[in-house]
Amino acid sequence: MKVVAFIPARFASTRLPGKPLAKINGRPMIQWVYERVSKSRLIEDVTVATDDERILRAVSAFGGKAVLTSGACGSGTERVAEASRNISADIVVNVQGDEPLVPPELIDDCVREMISDRGISISTPAVRIKTAGEFKDPNIVKVVMDKNGFAMYFSRSPIPYSEGRALSAYRHIGLYVYRKDVLLQLAKLPGSPLEKAERLEQLRALENGFRIKTVITPYNPVSVDTKEDLEKVRGMF
């Protein structure tokens, strides 16, 4: 099966404008993401999908591959679908452009889930939440799963409600693996009400009956959603 990866990256981020080009240890963040994804053993090709010439030039400058997509794309899912529409691939990996610490092993674990079970159309990773601060943080997306590991819901709110009991919650990590045909179907659908309310693109899949298999992982990479996250990652580097 041919597996390719796209990194959707837009300049006009609401919470941190220009973050794909934010410097981390002297390199733009998008370069760190690109290099991490390129180390995956199962991905054959990596491309940045962007609607901004500045990001396109930055990727070309470090020797990466990038394509321009329409400014009308409303989500990373739509951007990746547009970029992958005319390429030959069975599985398409969508790694968010704000994951400079994403482990290549994590990507491969999610891809293997799809290869081993052809009945799975989408997979995504999740990690156990360890602190109350993470649980309450709206920038950390939570996911609840059924007994078979399929996502029931994603939210920025603290779910499941615990009423002071020990937390049994999971953080969603911004990485998706799709069957290409499923990805193209999703991109054609209008934005769903829950997707718009939570600002979470994966809810479009759930609202339209697509199942998402969660891959529980020990990896817990820091995503860059805010200026504080960026400073934290800079400190780690």
Protein backbone atom coordinates (compact mmCIF):
# COMPACT_ATOMS: atom_id res chain seq x y z
CA MET A 1 0.00 0.00 0.00
CA LYS A 2 1.34 3.42 -0.91
CA VAL A 3 1.43 5.84 2.03
CA VAL A 4 2.03 9.56 1.61
CA ALA A 5 2.00 12.43 4.10
CA PHE A 6 0.86 16.03 3.87
CA ILE A 7 1.51 18.78 6.39
CA PRO A 8 -1.21 21.45 6.14
CA ALA A 9 0.20 24.85 7.05
CA ARG A 10 -1.51 28.23 6.90
CA PHE A 11 -0.05 31.57 7.86
CA ALA A 12 -3.20 33.16 9.31
CA SER A 13 -3.51 31.13 12.50
CA THR A 14 -6.10 32.68 14.83
CA ARG A 15 -4.18 32.23 18.08
CA LEU A 16 -0.62 32.51 16.76
CA PRO A 17 -0.36 34.15 13.31
CA GLY A 18 2.58 33.01 11.21
CA LYS A 19 3.39 30.07 13.49
CA PRO A 20 4.67 27.71 10.74
CA LEU A 21 7.54 30.17 10.25
CA ALA A 22 8.17 30.80 13.95
CA LYS A 23 11.83 30.07 14.67
CA ILE A 24 12.76 27.19 16.96
CA ASN A 25 16.46 26.75 17.53
CA GLY A 26 17.18 28.76 14.38
CA ARG A 27 14.81 26.88 12.06
CA PRO A 28 11.19 27.54 11.11
CA MET A 29 8.75 25.27 12.91
CA ILE A 30 7.50 23.79 9.63
CA GLN A 31 11.02 22.45 8.98
CA TRP A 32 11.09 20.58 12.28
CA VAL A 33 7.70 19.00 11.46
CA TYR A 34 8.82 18.10 7.94
CA GLU A 35 12.02 16.46 9.13
CA ARG A 36 10.20 14.47 11.81
CA VAL A 37 7.62 13.16 9.35
CA SER A 38 10.35 12.30 6.83
CA LYS A 39 11.86 9.89 9.37
CA SER A 40 8.77 7.68 9.28
CA ARG A 41 9.61 4.22 7.96
CA LEU A 42 6.24 3.71 6.28
CA ILE A 43 5.74 7.03 4.48
CA GLU A 44 7.03 7.24 0.92
CA ASP A 45 6.58 10.95 0.27
CA VAL A 46 6.15 14.12 2.37
CA THR A 47 4.65 17.41 1.13
CA VAL A 48 3.66 20.66 2.83
CA ALA A 49 0.25 21.91 1.69
CA THR A 50 -0.08 25.66 2.15
CA ASP A 51 -2.00 28.67 0.86
CA ASP A 52 0.84 31.11 1.54
CA GLU A 53 3.82 31.92 -0.69
CA ARG A 54 5.99 32.71 2.36
CA ILE A 55 5.60 29.19 3.69
CA LEU A 56 6.15 27.74 0.21
CA ARG A 57 9.44 29.65 -0.09
CA ALA A 58 10.57 28.63 3.39
CA VAL A 59 10.00 24.94 2.64
CA SER A 60 11.83 25.21 -0.68
CA ALA A 61 14.72 26.96 1.09
CA PHE A 62 15.43 23.95 3.30
CA GLY A 63 15.01 21.50 0.42
CA GLY A 64 11.49 20.34 1.23
CA LYS A 65 8.55 19.73 -1.06
CA ALA A 66 5.50 22.00 -0.97
CA VAL A 67 2.38 22.77 -2.99
CA LEU A 68 0.04 25.75 -3.02
CA THR A 69 -3.58 25.08 -2.20
CA SER A 70 -6.70 27.21 -2.39
CA GLY A 71 -7.28 29.93 0.17
CA ALA A 72 -10.87 28.71 0.37
CA CYS A 73 -9.91 25.56 2.31
CA GLY A 74 -11.67 25.74 5.65
CA SER A 75 -9.62 23.13 7.49
CA GLY A 76 -6.46 21.06 7.33
CA THR A 77 -8.56 18.13 6.15
CA GLU A 78 -9.81 20.09 3.15
CA ARG A 79 -6.30 21.35 2.38
CA VAL A 80 -4.81 17.85 2.47
CA ALA A 81 -7.66 16.49 0.36
CA GLU A 82 -7.09 19.14 -2.31
CA ALA A 83 -3.35 18.49 -2.38
CA SER A 84 -3.74 14.70 -2.58
CA ARG A 85 -6.63 14.55 -5.05
CA ASN A 86 -4.53 13.86 -8.14
CA ILE A 87 -1.75 11.76 -6.64
CA SER A 88 -1.49 7.98 -6.48
CA ALA A 89 -1.88 6.80 -2.88
CA ASP A 90 -3.85 4.34 -0.78
CA ILE A 91 -3.31 5.98 2.60
CA VAL A 92 -2.88 9.69 3.31
CA VAL A 93 -1.34 10.94 6.55
CA ASN A 94 -2.23 14.41 7.80
CA VAL A 95 0.31 15.75 10.30
CA GLN A 96 -0.57 19.19 11.65
CA GLY A 97 2.02 21.90 11.00
CA ASP A 98 2.18 22.76 14.71
CA GLU A 99 3.65 19.41 15.81
CA PRO A 100 7.44 20.03 15.78
CA LEU A 101 8.02 17.20 18.27
CA VAL A 102 5.87 14.52 16.63
CA PRO A 103 7.68 11.16 16.94
CA PRO A 104 8.08 9.25 13.65
CA GLU A 105 7.27 6.08 15.59
CA LEU A 106 3.88 7.51 16.52
CA ILE A 107 3.08 8.13 12.85
CA ASP A 108 4.07 4.58 11.96
CA ASP A 109 1.91 3.13 14.75
CA CYS A 110 -1.17 4.86 13.32
CA VAL A 111 -0.34 3.79 9.76
CA ARG A 112 0.15 0.16 10.85
CA GLU A 113 -3.34 0.21 12.37
CA MET A 114 -4.73 1.02 8.92
CA ILE A 115 -2.58 -1.53 7.11
CA SER A 116 -3.43 -4.34 9.51
CA ASP A 117 -7.20 -3.74 9.44
CA ARG A 118 -8.72 -2.69 6.12
CA GLY A 119 -12.03 -2.06 7.87
CA ILE A 120 -10.60 1.06 9.55
CA SER A 121 -11.05 4.20 7.46
CA ILE A 122 -9.46 6.78 9.80
CA SER A 123 -6.99 6.45 12.67
CA THR A 124 -5.60 9.00 15.12
CA PRO A 125 -3.51 8.87 18.32
CA ALA A 126 -4.41 9.70 21.92
CA VAL A 127 -2.42 9.79 25.16
CA ARG A 128 -3.53 9.55 28.78
CA ILE A 129 -3.95 12.94 30.50
CA LYS A 130 -1.98 13.10 33.75
CA THR A 131 -2.82 16.49 35.25
CA ALA A 132 -5.95 18.46 36.10
CA GLY A 133 -4.45 21.46 34.30
CA GLU A 134 -4.31 19.57 31.01
CA PHE A 135 -7.81 18.25 31.55
CA LYS A 136 -9.24 21.77 31.94
CA ASP A 137 -7.16 23.47 29.21
CA PRO A 138 -9.37 24.31 26.17
CA ASN A 139 -6.29 24.24 23.93
CA ILE A 140 -5.89 20.54 24.72
CA VAL A 141 -8.46 18.48 22.83
CA LYS A 142 -9.95 15.57 24.75
CA VAL A 143 -11.35 12.36 23.27
CA VAL A 144 -13.58 9.63 24.70
CA MET A 145 -13.64 6.18 23.15
CA ASP A 146 -15.91 3.14 23.14
CA LYS A 147 -14.76 -0.26 24.40
CA ASN A 148 -13.30 -1.09 20.98
CA GLY A 149 -11.16 2.03 20.82
CA PHE A 150 -13.29 4.02 18.39
CA ALA A 151 -13.78 7.71 19.15
CA MET A 152 -17.19 8.69 20.48
CA TYR A 153 -16.51 12.43 20.76
CA PHE A 154 -13.77 15.06 20.74
CA SER A 155 -14.03 18.28 22.74
CA ARG A 156 -12.10 21.22 24.10
CA SER A 157 -14.16 20.83 27.26
CA PRO A 158 -13.11 18.49 30.08
CA ILE A 159 -14.63 15.13 29.11
CA PRO A 160 -15.60 12.75 30.54
CA TYR A 161 -17.01 14.57 33.56
CA SER A 162 -15.34 13.09 36.65
CA GLU A 163 -16.82 14.94 39.68
CA GLY A 164 -13.52 14.97 41.55
CA ARG A 165 -12.72 11.31 40.93
CA ALA A 166 -9.40 10.15 39.48
CA LEU A 167 -9.09 11.26 35.88
CA SER A 168 -9.54 8.73 33.13
CA ALA A 169 -9.21 11.08 30.20
CA TYR A 170 -7.23 11.18 26.98
CA ARG A 171 -5.67 13.98 24.99
CA HIS A 172 -6.00 13.87 21.23
CA ILE A 173 -2.79 14.37 19.24
CA GLY A 174 -3.13 16.26 15.95
CA LEU A 175 -2.38 13.52 13.46
CA TYR A 176 -4.81 11.70 11.16
CA VAL A 177 -4.41 8.73 8.84
CA TYR A 178 -7.07 8.33 6.13
CA ARG A 179 -7.98 5.96 3.36
CA LYS A 180 -7.67 8.31 0.43
CA ASP A 181 -11.22 7.75 -0.79
CA VAL A 182 -12.61 8.52 2.68
CA LEU A 183 -10.56 11.72 2.87
CA LEU A 184 -11.95 12.92 -0.45
CA GLN A 185 -15.50 12.14 0.67
CA LEU A 186 -15.04 14.13 3.88
CA ALA A 187 -13.68 17.14 2.04
CA LYS A 188 -16.82 17.31 -0.12
CA LEU A 189 -19.13 17.47 2.89
CA PRO A 190 -20.18 20.83 4.36
CA GLY A 191 -18.81 21.88 7.72
CA SER A 192 -20.90 20.23 10.42
CA PRO A 193 -22.52 22.02 13.38
CA LEU A 194 -20.32 20.37 16.02
CA GLU A 195 -17.21 20.93 13.92
CA LYS A 196 -17.99 24.65 13.83
CA ALA A 197 -18.93 24.87 17.51
CA GLU A 198 -15.83 23.11 18.83
CA ARG A 199 -13.52 24.24 15.99
CA LEU A 200 -12.45 20.60 15.55
CA GLU A 201 -12.36 19.27 12.00
CA GLN A 202 -12.53 15.60 13.03
CA LEU A 203 -16.10 16.07 14.26
CA ARG A 204 -17.25 16.33 10.65
CA ALA A 205 -16.32 12.68 10.25
CA LEU A 206 -18.20 11.57 13.37
CA GLU A 207 -21.29 13.60 12.54
CA ASN A 208 -21.45 11.97 9.12
CA GLY A 209 -21.10 8.41 10.37
CA PHE A 210 -17.39 7.79 9.75
CA ARG A 211 -15.66 5.88 12.54
CA ILE A 212 -12.27 7.00 13.87
CA LYS A 213 -10.00 4.41 15.50
CA THR A 214 -7.86 5.82 18.30
CA VAL A 215 -4.35 4.49 18.82
CA ILE A 216 -3.36 4.81 22.48
CA THR A 217 0.27 5.84 22.74
CA PRO A 218 2.86 6.64 25.42
CA TYR A 219 4.13 9.55 23.30
CA ASN A 220 2.97 12.99 24.42
CA PRO A 221 4.46 15.62 22.09
CA VAL A 222 3.87 19.30 22.83
CA SER A 223 1.71 20.99 20.17
CA VAL A 224 2.15 24.69 19.45
CA ASP A 225 -1.24 26.38 19.73
CA THR A 226 -0.28 29.53 21.65
CA LYS A 227 2.69 31.80 22.26
CA GLU A 228 3.18 30.06 25.60
CA ASP A 229 3.40 26.68 23.83
CA LEU A 230 5.97 28.11 21.43
CA GLU A 231 8.16 29.35 24.28
CA LYS A 232 7.84 25.98 26.01
CA VAL A 233 9.01 24.15 22.89
CA ARG A 234 11.87 26.59 22.38
CA GLY A 235 12.98 25.87 25.92
CA MET A 236 12.87 22.12 25.29
CA PHE A 237 15.06 22.47 22.20
